[in-house]
Amino acid sequence: MAVVACGMKKITCSDLGGPESCEVEFRGDTPDDVVKNCQDHIMEEVDKGDSDHQDAVENMQGLSPEEQQEKYAEYMEICADAFKRD
């Protein structure tokens, strides 16, 4: 399972829509940074031909614009909550 680091907090990549097989760690000073870093990583992996990351992109693209916004807000909330934890 991939791990995404929000400051000192941990979030799995799958929590942010990436494949569970990815073990890349992300760092960021804000929830926005972490989500952006995850998005950038996913697109880099797609460009390299990684099918698991491509599936994650296709899953997001298969959602309506409203559903995509809801997913993005969910990912932002996951990261924001991690920054709030002690």
Protein backbone atom coordinates (compact mmCIF):
# COMPACT_ATOMS: atom_id res chain seq x y z
CA MET A 1 0.00 0.00 0.00
CA ALA A 2 1.40 3.42 -0.91
CA VAL A 3 2.04 6.00 1.73
CA VAL A 4 1.54 9.72 1.29
CA ALA A 5 3.07 11.97 3.94
CA CYS A 6 1.25 15.11 5.04
CA GLY A 7 3.90 16.75 7.16
CA MET A 8 4.46 14.01 9.71
CA LYS A 9 1.09 12.34 9.04
CA LYS A 10 0.48 9.36 6.76
CA ILE A 11 -2.21 8.82 4.14
CA THR A 12 -2.36 5.88 1.76
CA CYS A 13 -2.13 6.61 -1.92
CA SER A 14 -5.39 4.75 -2.45
CA ASP A 15 -7.07 7.26 -0.13
CA LEU A 16 -6.21 9.88 -2.75
CA GLY A 17 -7.36 7.82 -5.72
CA GLY A 18 -4.04 6.21 -6.69
CA PRO A 19 -3.38 2.49 -7.00
CA GLU A 20 -2.73 0.53 -3.80
CA SER A 21 0.40 -0.98 -5.34
CA CYS A 22 2.18 2.40 -5.47
CA GLU A 23 4.62 3.00 -2.60
CA VAL A 24 5.73 6.55 -3.44
CA GLU A 25 5.70 9.02 -0.55
CA PHE A 26 4.56 12.61 -1.04
CA ARG A 27 5.46 15.62 1.07
CA GLY A 28 3.75 18.95 1.30
CA ASP A 29 3.40 21.94 3.57
CA THR A 30 -0.36 22.10 3.00
CA PRO A 31 -3.15 19.71 2.00
CA ASP A 32 -3.17 21.44 -1.41
CA ASP A 33 0.53 20.62 -1.86
CA VAL A 34 0.02 16.95 -1.03
CA VAL A 35 -2.95 16.53 -3.38
CA LYS A 36 -1.09 18.38 -6.18
CA ASN A 37 2.02 16.24 -5.66
CA CYS A 38 -0.11 13.10 -5.84
CA GLN A 39 -1.81 14.29 -9.04
CA ASP A 40 1.55 15.16 -10.62
CA HIS A 41 2.95 11.75 -9.69
CA ILE A 42 -0.05 9.92 -11.12
CA MET A 43 0.26 11.79 -14.42
CA GLU A 44 4.03 11.12 -14.58
CA GLU A 45 3.36 7.41 -14.11
CA VAL A 46 0.67 7.46 -16.80
CA ASP A 47 3.17 9.12 -19.16
CA LYS A 48 5.57 6.23 -18.41
CA GLY A 49 2.83 3.76 -19.39
CA ASP A 50 1.86 2.49 -15.91
CA SER A 51 -1.52 0.78 -16.29
CA ASP A 52 -2.46 0.94 -12.58
CA HIS A 53 -2.08 4.72 -12.57
CA GLN A 54 -3.90 4.92 -15.92
CA ASP A 55 -6.81 3.05 -14.34
CA ALA A 56 -6.92 5.62 -11.52
CA VAL A 57 -7.09 8.44 -14.07
CA GLU A 58 -9.79 6.68 -16.06
CA ASN A 59 -11.83 6.10 -12.92
CA MET A 60 -11.74 9.82 -12.17
CA GLN A 61 -12.48 10.77 -15.78
CA GLY A 62 -15.48 8.42 -15.76
CA LEU A 63 -17.14 10.59 -13.12
CA SER A 64 -19.38 13.53 -13.92
CA PRO A 65 -17.86 16.99 -13.36
CA GLU A 66 -19.85 17.27 -10.14
CA GLU A 67 -18.63 13.86 -8.93
CA GLN A 68 -15.05 14.84 -9.80
CA GLN A 69 -15.39 17.97 -7.68
CA GLU A 70 -16.82 15.91 -4.82
CA LYS A 71 -13.89 13.45 -5.06
CA TYR A 72 -11.37 16.29 -5.09
CA ALA A 73 -13.05 17.85 -2.05
CA GLU A 74 -12.93 14.43 -0.33
CA TYR A 75 -9.18 14.12 -1.02
CA MET A 76 -8.60 17.64 0.26
CA GLU A 77 -10.55 16.83 3.43
CA ILE A 78 -8.50 13.65 3.99
CA CYS A 79 -5.28 15.67 3.81
CA ALA A 80 -6.66 18.57 5.86
CA ASP A 81 -7.73 16.13 8.58
CA ALA A 82 -4.24 14.60 8.61
CA PHE A 83 -2.73 18.05 9.18
CA LYS A 84 -5.09 18.58 12.15
CA ARG A 85 -4.19 15.32 13.92
CA ASP A 86 -1.83 15.41 16.89
